Amino acid sequence: MIHEAILQLYSNARSVNGDTEKTITVCDEKGREISIDWDRVQTKSTELKVALETEKNNKVTKKASAITKLKNLGLDDDEITALIGG
């Protein structure tokens, strides 16, 4: 998520190498190193993680809702599985 956060925060960033605050280097299109604000990167990374988790939870909720609606229409479990998969 850190790489994605950096790329979203710094539009001039073209490459991000490394895995931690101490090892990451960010360069622009000409290979020049870009200075980054780690507090902003950490905040953005957290936001991205929360958004991803929310998206996953929403998918689970929507699927459960769809299954309930299909059952209310009279479909059985086998028919629902045939429609949406296992």
C-alpha atoms as a PDB file:
ATOM      1  CA  MET A   1       0.000   0.000   0.000  1.00  0.00           C
ATOM      2  CA  ILE A   2       2.895   2.362   0.626  1.00  0.00           C
ATOM      3  CA  HIS A   3       3.922   2.339  -3.035  1.00  0.00           C
ATOM      4  CA  GLU A   4       0.336   3.008  -4.127  1.00  0.00           C
ATOM      5  CA  ALA A   5       0.000   5.827  -1.581  1.00  0.00           C
ATOM      6  CA  ILE A   6       3.178   7.476  -2.849  1.00  0.00           C
ATOM      7  CA  LEU A   7       2.072   7.229  -6.470  1.00  0.00           C
ATOM      8  CA  GLN A   8      -1.282   8.775  -5.619  1.00  0.00           C
ATOM      9  CA  LEU A   9       0.229  11.605  -3.586  1.00  0.00           C
ATOM     10  CA  TYR A  10       3.095  12.487  -5.931  1.00  0.00           C
ATOM     11  CA  SER A  11       1.964  12.786  -9.537  1.00  0.00           C
ATOM     12  CA  ASN A  12       5.552  13.276 -10.711  1.00  0.00           C
ATOM     13  CA  ALA A  13       6.683   9.969  -9.171  1.00  0.00           C
ATOM     14  CA  ARG A  14       7.555   7.374 -11.799  1.00  0.00           C
ATOM     15  CA  SER A  15       9.375   4.741  -9.756  1.00  0.00           C
ATOM     16  CA  VAL A  16       9.215   3.607  -6.164  1.00  0.00           C
ATOM     17  CA  ASN A  17      11.852   1.167  -4.948  1.00  0.00           C
ATOM     18  CA  GLY A  18      12.225  -0.387  -1.513  1.00  0.00           C
ATOM     19  CA  ASP A  19       9.865  -1.648   1.167  1.00  0.00           C
ATOM     20  CA  THR A  20      10.283   0.554   4.243  1.00  0.00           C
ATOM     21  CA  GLU A  21      10.612   4.225   5.064  1.00  0.00           C
ATOM     22  CA  LYS A  22      14.377   3.789   5.360  1.00  0.00           C
ATOM     23  CA  THR A  23      14.822   1.899   2.094  1.00  0.00           C
ATOM     24  CA  ILE A  24      12.263   3.492  -0.245  1.00  0.00           C
ATOM     25  CA  THR A  25      13.471   5.840  -2.930  1.00  0.00           C
ATOM     26  CA  VAL A  26      11.073   7.704  -5.192  1.00  0.00           C
ATOM     27  CA  CYS A  27      12.199   9.076  -8.528  1.00  0.00           C
ATOM     28  CA  ASP A  28      10.633  11.264 -11.208  1.00  0.00           C
ATOM     29  CA  GLU A  29      10.645  10.623 -14.964  1.00  0.00           C
ATOM     30  CA  LYS A  30      14.243  11.835 -15.236  1.00  0.00           C
ATOM     31  CA  GLY A  31      15.469   9.568 -12.440  1.00  0.00           C
ATOM     32  CA  ARG A  32      15.819  12.395  -9.926  1.00  0.00           C
ATOM     33  CA  GLU A  33      14.972  11.477  -6.368  1.00  0.00           C
ATOM     34  CA  ILE A  34      11.804  13.054  -4.954  1.00  0.00           C
ATOM     35  CA  SER A  35      11.554  14.051  -1.315  1.00  0.00           C
ATOM     36  CA  ILE A  36       8.385  12.735   0.276  1.00  0.00           C
ATOM     37  CA  ASP A  37       6.455  13.515   3.453  1.00  0.00           C
ATOM     38  CA  TRP A  38       6.199  10.219   5.366  1.00  0.00           C
ATOM     39  CA  ASP A  39       3.352  11.417   7.568  1.00  0.00           C
ATOM     40  CA  ARG A  40       1.257  12.074   4.450  1.00  0.00           C
ATOM     41  CA  VAL A  41       2.298   8.724   2.962  1.00  0.00           C
ATOM     42  CA  GLN A  42       1.345   6.823   6.135  1.00  0.00           C
ATOM     43  CA  THR A  43      -2.005   8.621   6.319  1.00  0.00           C
ATOM     44  CA  LYS A  44      -2.758   7.898   2.660  1.00  0.00           C
ATOM     45  CA  SER A  45      -1.674   4.266   3.056  1.00  0.00           C
ATOM     46  CA  THR A  46      -4.067   3.863   5.980  1.00  0.00           C
ATOM     47  CA  GLU A  47      -6.869   5.478   3.953  1.00  0.00           C
ATOM     48  CA  LEU A  48      -6.235   3.062   1.092  1.00  0.00           C
ATOM     49  CA  LYS A  49      -6.258   0.054   3.437  1.00  0.00           C
ATOM     50  CA  VAL A  50      -9.546   1.179   4.994  1.00  0.00           C
ATOM     51  CA  ALA A  51     -11.087   1.766   1.557  1.00  0.00           C
ATOM     52  CA  LEU A  52     -10.013  -1.701   0.390  1.00  0.00           C
ATOM     53  CA  GLU A  53     -11.412  -3.351   3.509  1.00  0.00           C
ATOM     54  CA  THR A  54     -14.673  -1.415   3.150  1.00  0.00           C
ATOM     55  CA  GLU A  55     -14.949  -2.518  -0.473  1.00  0.00           C
ATOM     56  CA  LYS A  56     -14.435  -6.160   0.520  1.00  0.00           C
ATOM     57  CA  ASN A  57     -17.037  -5.893   3.280  1.00  0.00           C
ATOM     58  CA  ASN A  58     -19.513  -4.235   0.919  1.00  0.00           C
ATOM     59  CA  LYS A  59     -19.141  -7.101  -1.565  1.00  0.00           C
ATOM     60  CA  VAL A  60     -19.859  -9.660   1.153  1.00  0.00           C
ATOM     61  CA  THR A  61     -22.883  -7.672   2.337  1.00  0.00           C
ATOM     62  CA  LYS A  62     -24.223  -7.215  -1.205  1.00  0.00           C
ATOM     63  CA  LYS A  63     -23.832 -10.925  -1.955  1.00  0.00           C
ATOM     64  CA  ALA A  64     -25.696 -11.893   1.209  1.00  0.00           C
ATOM     65  CA  SER A  65     -28.423  -9.400   0.354  1.00  0.00           C
ATOM     66  CA  ALA A  66     -28.731 -10.775  -3.183  1.00  0.00           C
ATOM     67  CA  ILE A  67     -28.980 -14.355  -1.898  1.00  0.00           C
ATOM     68  CA  THR A  68     -31.718 -13.352   0.545  1.00  0.00           C
ATOM     69  CA  LYS A  69     -33.663 -11.625  -2.237  1.00  0.00           C
ATOM     70  CA  LEU A  70     -33.329 -14.646  -4.510  1.00  0.00           C
ATOM     71  CA  LYS A  71     -34.574 -16.925  -1.715  1.00  0.00           C
ATOM     72  CA  ASN A  72     -37.506 -14.578  -1.182  1.00  0.00           C
ATOM     73  CA  LEU A  73     -38.332 -15.039  -4.868  1.00  0.00           C
ATOM     74  CA  GLY A  74     -38.531 -18.783  -4.274  1.00  0.00           C
ATOM     75  CA  LEU A  75     -35.160 -19.991  -5.557  1.00  0.00           C
ATOM     76  CA  ASP A  76     -33.486 -22.791  -3.622  1.00  0.00           C
ATOM     77  CA  ASP A  77     -29.795 -23.026  -2.712  1.00  0.00           C
ATOM     78  CA  ASP A  78     -28.924 -25.150  -5.757  1.00  0.00           C
ATOM     79  CA  GLU A  79     -30.565 -22.672  -8.132  1.00  0.00           C
ATOM     80  CA  ILE A  80     -28.815 -19.754  -6.456  1.00  0.00           C
ATOM     81  CA  THR A  81     -25.461 -21.546  -6.661  1.00  0.00           C
ATOM     82  CA  ALA A  82     -26.107 -22.213 -10.348  1.00  0.00           C
ATOM     83  CA  LEU A  83     -26.654 -18.484 -10.871  1.00  0.00           C
ATOM     84  CA  ILE A  84     -23.849 -16.991  -8.819  1.00  0.00           C
ATOM     85  CA  GLY A  85     -21.415 -19.834  -8.314  1.00  0.00           C
ATOM     86  CA  GLY A  86     -20.140 -21.398  -5.130  1.00  0.00           C
END
